[in-house]
Structures are given as C-alpha cells and as structure tokens.
Amino acid sequence: MKKIDDLIASVTSIHDRYKAGRMERETVREWVLGLGGYPAPYAAPLGEAAAWFKPLRDMEPEALKLVDLEKLTAIIRPDGA
C-alpha cells in the first residue's frame, strides 16, 4: 500500500514549485500521469487530475495554470477542507 503522507508531501512540493514557476507544466503533467492508485478519498481527485492532465490543453497559460493548481490542491485536500 502506498503511503498517503508521501503522496501529500509530493503533491504539496510539486504544487508549490509549479506555482512559483520553478517547474514546467509538462513535468507536472508527466508526474501526475505517473501516479498510481490510492485509496479513497484520494482516488477520485487523482483520477480527476489525471483526466485533466492527459490531453494537451489549448488555453491561456495563466488560466491553464490556475486549473492545474486547483486539481493538485484537490488531491491534497480531497474533502475540500
């Protein structure tokens, strides 16, 4: 079983680095798509993030980044807290 603490720490690190501009979207995309399965309540937001990142999106870069960050935040806080 994968450790939830490790998942949260990893997502938090990726989120913060991407938000600060220290990581490219393509790297984040590949990382998200490489995540395996996790139990509820993390499974649903992980699935949504993977579905979001899977196709390449044609959006304004800032709007795209905002949605990307929301998807990452949803993994960290699956209950919306």
PDB file of N, CA and C in Angstrom:
ATOM      1  N   MET A   1       0.854  -1.179   0.000  1.00  0.00           N
ATOM      2  CA  MET A   1       0.000   0.000   0.000  1.00  0.00           C
ATOM      3  C   MET A   1       0.893   1.233   0.000  1.00  0.00           C
ATOM      4  N   LYS A   2       0.525   2.180  -0.806  1.00  0.00           N
ATOM      5  CA  LYS A   2       1.285   3.424  -0.883  1.00  0.00           C
ATOM      6  C   LYS A   2       0.944   4.291   0.322  1.00  0.00           C
ATOM      7  N   LYS A   3       1.899   5.092   0.727  1.00  0.00           N
ATOM      8  CA  LYS A   3       1.709   5.910   1.919  1.00  0.00           C
ATOM      9  C   LYS A   3       1.067   7.250   1.551  1.00  0.00           C
ATOM     10  N   ILE A   4      -0.011   7.562   2.221  1.00  0.00           N
ATOM     11  CA  ILE A   4      -0.739   8.801   1.989  1.00  0.00           C
ATOM     12  C   ILE A   4       0.118  10.004   2.354  1.00  0.00           C
ATOM     13  N   ASP A   5       0.883   9.899   3.430  1.00  0.00           N
ATOM     14  CA  ASP A   5       1.754  11.011   3.833  1.00  0.00           C
ATOM     15  C   ASP A   5       2.748  11.350   2.724  1.00  0.00           C
ATOM     16  N   ASP A   6       3.287  10.325   2.073  1.00  0.00           N
ATOM     17  CA  ASP A   6       4.225  10.548   0.974  1.00  0.00           C
ATOM     18  C   ASP A   6       3.534  11.222  -0.204  1.00  0.00           C
ATOM     19  N   LEU A   7       2.307  10.797  -0.490  1.00  0.00           N
ATOM     20  CA  LEU A   7       1.533  11.407  -1.574  1.00  0.00           C
ATOM     21  C   LEU A   7       1.305  12.887  -1.295  1.00  0.00           C
ATOM     22  N   ILE A   8       0.843  13.200  -0.104  1.00  0.00           N
ATOM     23  CA  ILE A   8       0.551  14.591   0.252  1.00  0.00           C
ATOM     24  C   ILE A   8       1.819  15.440   0.204  1.00  0.00           C
ATOM     25  N   ALA A   9       2.921  14.922   0.709  1.00  0.00           N
ATOM     26  CA  ALA A   9       4.183  15.658   0.677  1.00  0.00           C
ATOM     27  C   ALA A   9       4.634  15.893  -0.767  1.00  0.00           C
ATOM     28  N   SER A  10       4.497  14.885  -1.612  1.00  0.00           N
ATOM     29  CA  SER A  10       4.905  15.021  -3.011  1.00  0.00           C
ATOM     30  C   SER A  10       4.040  16.016  -3.755  1.00  0.00           C
ATOM     31  N   VAL A  11       2.726  15.898  -3.587  1.00  0.00           N
ATOM     32  CA  VAL A  11       1.815  16.813  -4.278  1.00  0.00           C
ATOM     33  C   VAL A  11       2.045  18.245  -3.799  1.00  0.00           C
ATOM     34  N   THR A  12       2.240  18.421  -2.505  1.00  0.00           N
ATOM     35  CA  THR A  12       2.495  19.753  -1.963  1.00  0.00           C
ATOM     36  C   THR A  12       3.764  20.345  -2.565  1.00  0.00           C
ATOM     37  N   SER A  13       4.801  19.542  -2.658  1.00  0.00           N
ATOM     38  CA  SER A  13       6.067  20.008  -3.228  1.00  0.00           C
ATOM     39  C   SER A  13       5.908  20.378  -4.699  1.00  0.00           C
ATOM     40  N   ILE A  14       5.257  19.524  -5.470  1.00  0.00           N
ATOM     41  CA  ILE A  14       5.030  19.792  -6.896  1.00  0.00           C
ATOM     42  C   ILE A  14       4.187  21.052  -7.059  1.00  0.00           C
ATOM     43  N   HIS A  15       3.116  21.151  -6.297  1.00  0.00           N
ATOM     44  CA  HIS A  15       2.220  22.310  -6.350  1.00  0.00           C
ATOM     45  C   HIS A  15       3.003  23.598  -6.104  1.00  0.00           C
ATOM     46  N   ASP A  16       3.773  23.615  -5.034  1.00  0.00           N
ATOM     47  CA  ASP A  16       4.498  24.831  -4.659  1.00  0.00           C
ATOM     48  C   ASP A  16       5.561  25.207  -5.689  1.00  0.00           C
ATOM     49  N   ARG A  17       6.279  24.228  -6.199  1.00  0.00           N
ATOM     50  CA  ARG A  17       7.310  24.510  -7.202  1.00  0.00           C
ATOM     51  C   ARG A  17       6.698  24.989  -8.506  1.00  0.00           C
ATOM     52  N   TYR A  18       5.592  24.381  -8.909  1.00  0.00           N
ATOM     53  CA  TYR A  18       4.909  24.786 -10.138  1.00  0.00           C
ATOM     54  C   TYR A  18       4.326  26.190  -9.989  1.00  0.00           C
ATOM     55  N   LYS A  19       3.691  26.447  -8.858  1.00  0.00           N
ATOM     56  CA  LYS A  19       3.100  27.764  -8.595  1.00  0.00           C
ATOM     57  C   LYS A  19       4.156  28.862  -8.622  1.00  0.00           C
ATOM     58  N   ALA A  20       5.343  28.560  -8.097  1.00  0.00           N
ATOM     59  CA  ALA A  20       6.437  29.541  -8.033  1.00  0.00           C
ATOM     60  C   ALA A  20       7.179  29.673  -9.363  1.00  0.00           C
ATOM     61  N   GLY A  21       6.796  28.870 -10.352  1.00  0.00           N
ATOM     62  CA  GLY A  21       7.446  28.947 -11.651  1.00  0.00           C
ATOM     63  C   GLY A  21       8.761  28.183 -11.736  1.00  0.00           C
ATOM     64  N   ARG A  22       9.002  27.304 -10.781  1.00  0.00           N
ATOM     65  CA  ARG A  22      10.238  26.527 -10.778  1.00  0.00           C
ATOM     66  C   ARG A  22      10.074  25.170 -11.443  1.00  0.00           C
ATOM     67  N   MET A  23       8.901  24.938 -12.027  1.00  0.00           N
ATOM     68  CA  MET A  23       8.635  23.666 -12.678  1.00  0.00           C
ATOM     69  C   MET A  23       7.737  23.926 -13.883  1.00  0.00           C
ATOM     70  N   GLU A  24       8.017  23.264 -14.977  1.00  0.00           N
ATOM     71  CA  GLU A  24       7.217  23.409 -16.193  1.00  0.00           C
ATOM     72  C   GLU A  24       5.971  22.547 -16.116  1.00  0.00           C
ATOM     73  N   ARG A  25       4.930  22.962 -16.812  1.00  0.00           N
ATOM     74  CA  ARG A  25       3.678  22.221 -16.810  1.00  0.00           C
ATOM     75  C   ARG A  25       3.868  20.801 -17.330  1.00  0.00           C
ATOM     76  N   GLU A  26       4.665  20.623 -18.366  1.00  0.00           N
ATOM     77  CA  GLU A  26       4.848  19.285 -18.928  1.00  0.00           C
ATOM     78  C   GLU A  26       5.438  18.322 -17.900  1.00  0.00           C
ATOM     79  N   THR A  27       6.322  18.806 -17.055  1.00  0.00           N
ATOM     80  CA  THR A  27       6.887  17.973 -15.993  1.00  0.00           C
ATOM     81  C   THR A  27       5.807  17.601 -14.989  1.00  0.00           C
ATOM     82  N   VAL A  28       4.974  18.568 -14.623  1.00  0.00           N
ATOM     83  CA  VAL A  28       3.870  18.302 -13.697  1.00  0.00           C
ATOM     84  C   VAL A  28       2.916  17.297 -14.323  1.00  0.00           C
ATOM     85  N   ARG A  29       2.595  17.504 -15.587  1.00  0.00           N
ATOM     86  CA  ARG A  29       1.680  16.620 -16.314  1.00  0.00           C
ATOM     87  C   ARG A  29       2.188  15.181 -16.293  1.00  0.00           C
ATOM     88  N   GLU A  30       3.447  14.979 -16.635  1.00  0.00           N
ATOM     89  CA  GLU A  30       4.026  13.637 -16.652  1.00  0.00           C
ATOM     90  C   GLU A  30       4.033  13.029 -15.255  1.00  0.00           C
ATOM     91  N   TRP A  31       4.302  13.850 -14.250  1.00  0.00           N
ATOM     92  CA  TRP A  31       4.311  13.363 -12.877  1.00  0.00           C
ATOM     93  C   TRP A  31       2.923  12.898 -12.459  1.00  0.00           C
ATOM     94  N   VAL A  32       1.917  13.722 -12.719  1.00  0.00           N
ATOM     95  CA  VAL A  32       0.540  13.356 -12.352  1.00  0.00           C
ATOM     96  C   VAL A  32       0.129  12.070 -13.061  1.00  0.00           C
ATOM     97  N   LEU A  33       0.424  11.974 -14.345  1.00  0.00           N
ATOM     98  CA  LEU A  33       0.031  10.788 -15.098  1.00  0.00           C
ATOM     99  C   LEU A  33       0.777   9.541 -14.639  1.00  0.00           C
ATOM    100  N   GLY A  34       1.902   9.717 -13.971  1.00  0.00           N
ATOM    101  CA  GLY A  34       2.666   8.585 -13.467  1.00  0.00           C
ATOM    102  C   GLY A  34       2.262   8.110 -12.082  1.00  0.00           C
ATOM    103  N   LEU A  35       1.368   8.836 -11.440  1.00  0.00           N
ATOM    104  CA  LEU A  35       0.913   8.417 -10.109  1.00  0.00           C
ATOM    105  C   LEU A  35       0.059   7.166 -10.233  1.00  0.00           C
ATOM    106  N   GLY A  36       0.230   6.282  -9.317  1.00  0.00           N
ATOM    107  CA  GLY A  36      -0.573   5.066  -9.307  1.00  0.00           C
ATOM    108  C   GLY A  36      -1.862   5.263  -8.537  1.00  0.00           C
ATOM    109  N   GLY A  37      -2.481   4.173  -8.210  1.00  0.00           N
ATOM    110  CA  GLY A  37      -3.743   4.228  -7.495  1.00  0.00           C
ATOM    111  C   GLY A  37      -3.562   4.415  -6.006  1.00  0.00           C
ATOM    112  N   TYR A  38      -4.482   5.127  -5.416  1.00  0.00           N
ATOM    113  CA  TYR A  38      -4.517   5.351  -3.971  1.00  0.00           C
ATOM    114  C   TYR A  38      -5.946   5.108  -3.510  1.00  0.00           C
ATOM    115  N   PRO A  39      -6.123   4.803  -2.245  1.00  0.00           N
ATOM    116  CA  PRO A  39      -7.474   4.549  -1.734  1.00  0.00           C
ATOM    117  C   PRO A  39      -8.288   5.835  -1.601  1.00  0.00           C
ATOM    118  N   ALA A  40      -9.575   5.670  -1.374  1.00  0.00           N
ATOM    119  CA  ALA A  40     -10.457   6.805  -1.099  1.00  0.00           C
ATOM    120  C   ALA A  40      -9.965   7.477   0.171  1.00  0.00           C
ATOM    121  N   PRO A  41     -10.089   8.728   0.305  1.00  0.00           N
ATOM    122  CA  PRO A  41     -10.757   9.690  -0.580  1.00  0.00           C
ATOM    123  C   PRO A  41      -9.832  10.280  -1.644  1.00  0.00           C
ATOM    124  N   TYR A  42      -8.612   9.756  -1.772  1.00  0.00           N
ATOM    125  CA  TYR A  42      -7.633  10.319  -2.707  1.00  0.00           C
ATOM    126  C   TYR A  42      -7.823   9.819  -4.135  1.00  0.00           C
ATOM    127  N   ALA A  43      -8.472   8.689  -4.298  1.00  0.00           N
ATOM    128  CA  ALA A  43      -8.635   8.091  -5.624  1.00  0.00           C
ATOM    129  C   ALA A  43      -9.397   9.004  -6.577  1.00  0.00           C
ATOM    130  N   ALA A  44     -10.487   9.591  -6.130  1.00  0.00           N
ATOM    131  CA  ALA A  44     -11.310  10.436  -7.009  1.00  0.00           C
ATOM    132  C   ALA A  44     -10.557  11.681  -7.491  1.00  0.00           C
ATOM    133  N   PRO A  45      -9.950  12.475  -6.599  1.00  0.00           N
ATOM    134  CA  PRO A  45      -9.226  13.646  -7.098  1.00  0.00           C
ATOM    135  C   PRO A  45      -8.003  13.283  -7.941  1.00  0.00           C
ATOM    136  N   LEU A  46      -7.379  12.147  -7.661  1.00  0.00           N
ATOM    137  CA  LEU A  46      -6.268  11.707  -8.502  1.00  0.00           C
ATOM    138  C   LEU A  46      -6.759  11.358  -9.900  1.00  0.00           C
ATOM    139  N   GLY A  47      -7.897  10.679  -9.965  1.00  0.00           N
ATOM    140  CA  GLY A  47      -8.480  10.350 -11.266  1.00  0.00           C
ATOM    141  C   GLY A  47      -8.864  11.591 -12.042  1.00  0.00           C
ATOM    142  N   GLU A  48      -9.433  12.567 -11.342  1.00  0.00           N
ATOM    143  CA  GLU A  48      -9.813  13.820 -11.999  1.00  0.00           C
ATOM    144  C   GLU A  48      -8.587  14.577 -12.493  1.00  0.00           C
ATOM    145  N   ALA A  49      -7.524  14.584 -11.696  1.00  0.00           N
ATOM    146  CA  ALA A  49      -6.294  15.258 -12.111  1.00  0.00           C
ATOM    147  C   ALA A  49      -5.698  14.566 -13.331  1.00  0.00           C
ATOM    148  N   ALA A  50      -5.666  13.247 -13.317  1.00  0.00           N
ATOM    149  CA  ALA A  50      -5.131  12.505 -14.465  1.00  0.00           C
ATOM    150  C   ALA A  50      -5.957  12.769 -15.715  1.00  0.00           C
ATOM    151  N   ALA A  51      -7.273  12.806 -15.574  1.00  0.00           N
ATOM    152  CA  ALA A  51      -8.144  13.091 -16.726  1.00  0.00           C
ATOM    153  C   ALA A  51      -7.907  14.512 -17.238  1.00  0.00           C
ATOM    154  N   TRP A  52      -7.661  15.445 -16.346  1.00  0.00           N
ATOM    155  CA  TRP A  52      -7.410  16.831 -16.729  1.00  0.00           C
ATOM    156  C   TRP A  52      -6.075  16.963 -17.465  1.00  0.00           C
ATOM    157  N   PHE A  53      -5.043  16.331 -16.922  1.00  0.00           N
ATOM    158  CA  PHE A  53      -3.703  16.482 -17.479  1.00  0.00           C
ATOM    159  C   PHE A  53      -3.449  15.617 -18.714  1.00  0.00           C
ATOM    160  N   LYS A  54      -4.250  14.578 -18.915  1.00  0.00           N
ATOM    161  CA  LYS A  54      -3.966  13.649 -20.008  1.00  0.00           C
ATOM    162  C   LYS A  54      -3.954  14.320 -21.378  1.00  0.00           C
ATOM    163  N   PRO A  55      -5.029  14.981 -21.798  1.00  0.00           N
ATOM    164  CA  PRO A  55      -4.936  15.646 -23.107  1.00  0.00           C
ATOM    165  C   PRO A  55      -4.162  16.956 -22.974  1.00  0.00           C
ATOM    166  N   LEU A  56      -3.521  17.332 -24.044  1.00  0.00           N
ATOM    167  CA  LEU A  56      -2.880  18.644 -24.063  1.00  0.00           C
ATOM    168  C   LEU A  56      -3.973  19.680 -24.242  1.00  0.00           C
ATOM    169  N   ARG A  57      -3.945  20.721 -23.454  1.00  0.00           N
ATOM    170  CA  ARG A  57      -4.999  21.739 -23.452  1.00  0.00           C
ATOM    171  C   ARG A  57      -4.555  22.983 -24.204  1.00  0.00           C
ATOM    172  N   ASP A  58      -5.484  23.566 -24.944  1.00  0.00           N
ATOM    173  CA  ASP A  58      -5.216  24.809 -25.657  1.00  0.00           C
ATOM    174  C   ASP A  58      -5.980  25.920 -24.948  1.00  0.00           C
ATOM    175  N   MET A  59      -5.347  26.480 -23.926  1.00  0.00           N
ATOM    176  CA  MET A  59      -5.941  27.547 -23.121  1.00  0.00           C
ATOM    177  C   MET A  59      -4.875  28.604 -22.876  1.00  0.00           C
ATOM    178  N   GLU A  60      -5.323  29.749 -22.418  1.00  0.00           N
ATOM    179  CA  GLU A  60      -4.388  30.787 -21.985  1.00  0.00           C
ATOM    180  C   GLU A  60      -3.514  30.196 -20.884  1.00  0.00           C
ATOM    181  N   PRO A  61      -2.213  30.432 -20.925  1.00  0.00           N
ATOM    182  CA  PRO A  61      -1.311  29.826 -19.937  1.00  0.00           C
ATOM    183  C   PRO A  61      -1.687  30.092 -18.478  1.00  0.00           C
ATOM    184  N   GLU A  62      -2.086  31.304 -18.158  1.00  0.00           N
ATOM    185  CA  GLU A  62      -2.428  31.610 -16.764  1.00  0.00           C
ATOM    186  C   GLU A  62      -3.704  30.894 -16.328  1.00  0.00           C
ATOM    187  N   ALA A  63      -4.699  30.841 -17.203  1.00  0.00           N
ATOM    188  CA  ALA A  63      -5.946  30.133 -16.884  1.00  0.00           C
ATOM    189  C   ALA A  63      -5.675  28.640 -16.726  1.00  0.00           C
ATOM    190  N   LEU A  64      -4.843  28.109 -17.588  1.00  0.00           N
ATOM    191  CA  LEU A  64      -4.478  26.701 -17.531  1.00  0.00           C
ATOM    192  C   LEU A  64      -3.773  26.390 -16.210  1.00  0.00           C
ATOM    193  N   LYS A  65      -2.844  27.239 -15.838  1.00  0.00           N
ATOM    194  CA  LYS A  65      -2.098  27.018 -14.598  1.00  0.00           C
ATOM    195  C   LYS A  65      -3.017  27.075 -13.379  1.00  0.00           C
ATOM    196  N   LEU A  66      -3.984  27.985 -13.390  1.00  0.00           N
ATOM    197  CA  LEU A  66      -4.922  28.070 -12.264  1.00  0.00           C
ATOM    198  C   LEU A  66      -5.705  26.775 -12.094  1.00  0.00           C
ATOM    199  N   VAL A  67      -6.188  26.211 -13.198  1.00  0.00           N
ATOM    200  CA  VAL A  67      -6.933  24.952 -13.112  1.00  0.00           C
ATOM    201  C   VAL A  67      -5.994  23.821 -12.692  1.00  0.00           C
ATOM    202  N   ASP A  68      -4.783  23.806 -13.247  1.00  0.00           N
ATOM    203  CA  ASP A  68      -3.799  22.793 -12.848  1.00  0.00           C
ATOM    204  C   ASP A  68      -3.591  22.816 -11.337  1.00  0.00           C
ATOM    205  N   LEU A  69      -3.384  24.009 -10.782  1.00  0.00           N
ATOM    206  CA  LEU A  69      -3.149  24.143  -9.343  1.00  0.00           C
ATOM    207  C   LEU A  69      -4.373  23.722  -8.530  1.00  0.00           C
ATOM    208  N   GLU A  70      -5.561  24.002  -9.040  1.00  0.00           N
ATOM    209  CA  GLU A  70      -6.783  23.552  -8.358  1.00  0.00           C
ATOM    210  C   GLU A  70      -6.848  22.029  -8.312  1.00  0.00           C
ATOM    211  N   LYS A  71      -6.483  21.380  -9.403  1.00  0.00           N
ATOM    212  CA  LYS A  71      -6.501  19.915  -9.446  1.00  0.00           C
ATOM    213  C   LYS A  71      -5.496  19.335  -8.457  1.00  0.00           C
ATOM    214  N   LEU A  72      -4.325  19.947  -8.353  1.00  0.00           N
ATOM    215  CA  LEU A  72      -3.327  19.480  -7.392  1.00  0.00           C
ATOM    216  C   LEU A  72      -3.805  19.707  -5.957  1.00  0.00           C
ATOM    217  N   THR A  73      -4.406  20.855  -5.707  1.00  0.00           N
ATOM    218  CA  THR A  73      -4.927  21.143  -4.366  1.00  0.00           C
ATOM    219  C   THR A  73      -6.014  20.151  -3.977  1.00  0.00           C
ATOM    220  N   ALA A  74      -6.838  19.748  -4.925  1.00  0.00           N
ATOM    221  CA  ALA A  74      -7.908  18.785  -4.637  1.00  0.00           C
ATOM    222  C   ALA A  74      -7.348  17.434  -4.191  1.00  0.00           C
ATOM    223  N   ILE A  75      -6.161  17.088  -4.667  1.00  0.00           N
ATOM    224  CA  ILE A  75      -5.541  15.833  -4.224  1.00  0.00           C
ATOM    225  C   ILE A  75      -5.099  15.970  -2.766  1.00  0.00           C
ATOM    226  N   ILE A  76      -4.543  17.112  -2.423  1.00  0.00           N
ATOM    227  CA  ILE A  76      -4.053  17.343  -1.066  1.00  0.00           C
ATOM    228  C   ILE A  76      -5.221  17.405  -0.080  1.00  0.00           C
ATOM    229  N   ARG A  77      -6.304  18.006  -0.511  1.00  0.00           N
ATOM    230  CA  ARG A  77      -7.493  18.204   0.337  1.00  0.00           C
ATOM    231  C   ARG A  77      -8.718  17.569  -0.309  1.00  0.00           C
ATOM    232  N   PRO A  78      -8.792  16.250  -0.348  1.00  0.00           N
ATOM    233  CA  PRO A  78      -9.899  15.602  -1.060  1.00  0.00           C
ATOM    234  C   PRO A  78     -11.272  15.870  -0.462  1.00  0.00           C
ATOM    235  N   ASP A  79     -11.315  16.294   0.788  1.00  0.00           N
ATOM    236  CA  ASP A  79     -12.601  16.580   1.423  1.00  0.00           C
ATOM    237  C   ASP A  79     -12.985  18.047   1.271  1.00  0.00           C
ATOM    238  N   GLY A  80     -12.130  18.816   0.572  1.00  0.00           N
ATOM    239  CA  GLY A  80     -12.422  20.220   0.338  1.00  0.00           C
ATOM    240  C   GLY A  80     -12.066  21.141   1.477  1.00  0.00           C
ATOM    241  N   ALA A  81     -11.475  20.604   2.521  1.00  0.00           N
ATOM    242  CA  ALA A  81     -11.142  21.438   3.702  1.00  0.00           C
ATOM    243  C   ALA A  81      -9.982  22.355   3.441  1.00  0.00           C
TER     244      ALA A  81
END
